[in-house]
Every structure is written in structure tokens, then in C-alpha cells.
Amino acid sequence: MVVSSYYDLDQLRAAMQDVEGVYMITPALDIIRTDAWLTGTPLASTRTSRFSRLSPG
């Protein structure tokens, strides 16, 4: 381990090691979204605003 003269740099290095696993989430979500788009499967229902819920019919 590299000894730094700044304590914050050591904390930053430790935090960055924890973040490395997060980089695999983005490609996984992209694959899921691409598959849903290709198969025509909606990811979620569209949110209905409170204003549009007030309209009759």
C-alpha cells in the first residue's frame, strides 16, 4: 500500500475500491433495457400525474 501524506487520499482509495463493482451494474442494465426494447416488453407502466387523474373519463 502506498503511504500518502494526506489521510483523505487513503480514504479516497478505499472508497474507490468499493465502487469498482458498481461499474458492472451499468452494462447489465443496458443489456436488460436493450432486450426489453428488442422484444417490445415495457420496462414499467407509465406514471399517471395527479392532474391527469382528476380529469373525468
Protein backbone atom coordinates (compact mmCIF):
# COMPACT_ATOMS: atom_id res chain seq x y z
CA MET A 1 0.00 0.00 0.00
CA VAL A 2 1.22 3.46 -0.81
CA VAL A 3 1.58 5.66 2.22
CA SER A 4 0.29 9.11 1.49
CA SER A 5 0.91 12.23 3.46
CA TYR A 6 -2.79 13.05 3.26
CA TYR A 7 -5.29 11.00 5.23
CA ASP A 8 -8.07 11.91 2.79
CA LEU A 9 -6.25 10.24 -0.11
CA ASP A 10 -6.20 6.95 1.79
CA GLN A 11 -9.93 7.23 2.39
CA LEU A 12 -10.48 8.05 -1.28
CA ARG A 13 -8.53 4.98 -2.40
CA ALA A 14 -10.56 2.77 -0.07
CA ALA A 15 -13.81 4.23 -1.37
CA MET A 16 -12.77 3.74 -4.99
CA GLN A 17 -12.06 0.06 -4.36
CA ASP A 18 -15.64 -0.33 -3.14
CA VAL A 19 -17.00 1.42 -6.24
CA GLU A 20 -15.39 -0.92 -8.79
CA GLY A 21 -18.26 -3.39 -8.53
CA VAL A 22 -20.74 -0.66 -9.43
CA TYR A 23 -19.26 -0.40 -12.94
CA MET A 24 -20.71 -3.81 -13.79
CA ILE A 25 -24.25 -2.67 -12.98
CA THR A 26 -24.45 -0.18 -15.86
CA PRO A 27 -23.73 -2.69 -18.66
CA ALA A 28 -26.14 -5.17 -17.06
CA LEU A 29 -28.93 -2.58 -17.03
CA ASP A 30 -28.14 -1.66 -20.63
CA ILE A 31 -28.48 -5.31 -21.65
CA ILE A 32 -31.81 -5.61 -19.84
CA ARG A 33 -33.13 -2.43 -21.45
CA THR A 34 -31.92 -3.45 -24.91
CA ASP A 35 -33.57 -6.86 -24.56
CA ALA A 36 -36.82 -5.24 -23.45
CA TRP A 37 -36.68 -2.84 -26.39
CA LEU A 38 -35.99 -5.59 -28.93
CA THR A 39 -38.75 -7.84 -27.61
CA GLY A 40 -41.24 -4.99 -27.13
CA THR A 41 -41.58 -5.61 -23.40
CA PRO A 42 -42.32 -2.43 -21.43
CA LEU A 43 -39.97 -1.85 -18.51
CA ALA A 44 -42.60 -0.23 -16.32
CA SER A 45 -46.02 1.28 -16.58
CA THR A 46 -46.12 4.96 -17.35
CA ARG A 47 -46.73 7.15 -14.34
CA THR A 48 -50.03 8.99 -14.32
CA SER A 49 -49.79 12.50 -12.92
CA ARG A 50 -52.15 13.68 -10.20
CA PHE A 51 -53.54 16.32 -12.54
CA SER A 52 -54.46 13.79 -15.23
CA ARG A 53 -56.15 11.58 -12.62
CA LEU A 54 -58.58 14.42 -11.93
CA SER A 55 -59.91 14.52 -15.48
CA PRO A 56 -63.18 12.67 -15.99
CA GLY A 57 -63.07 9.70 -18.32
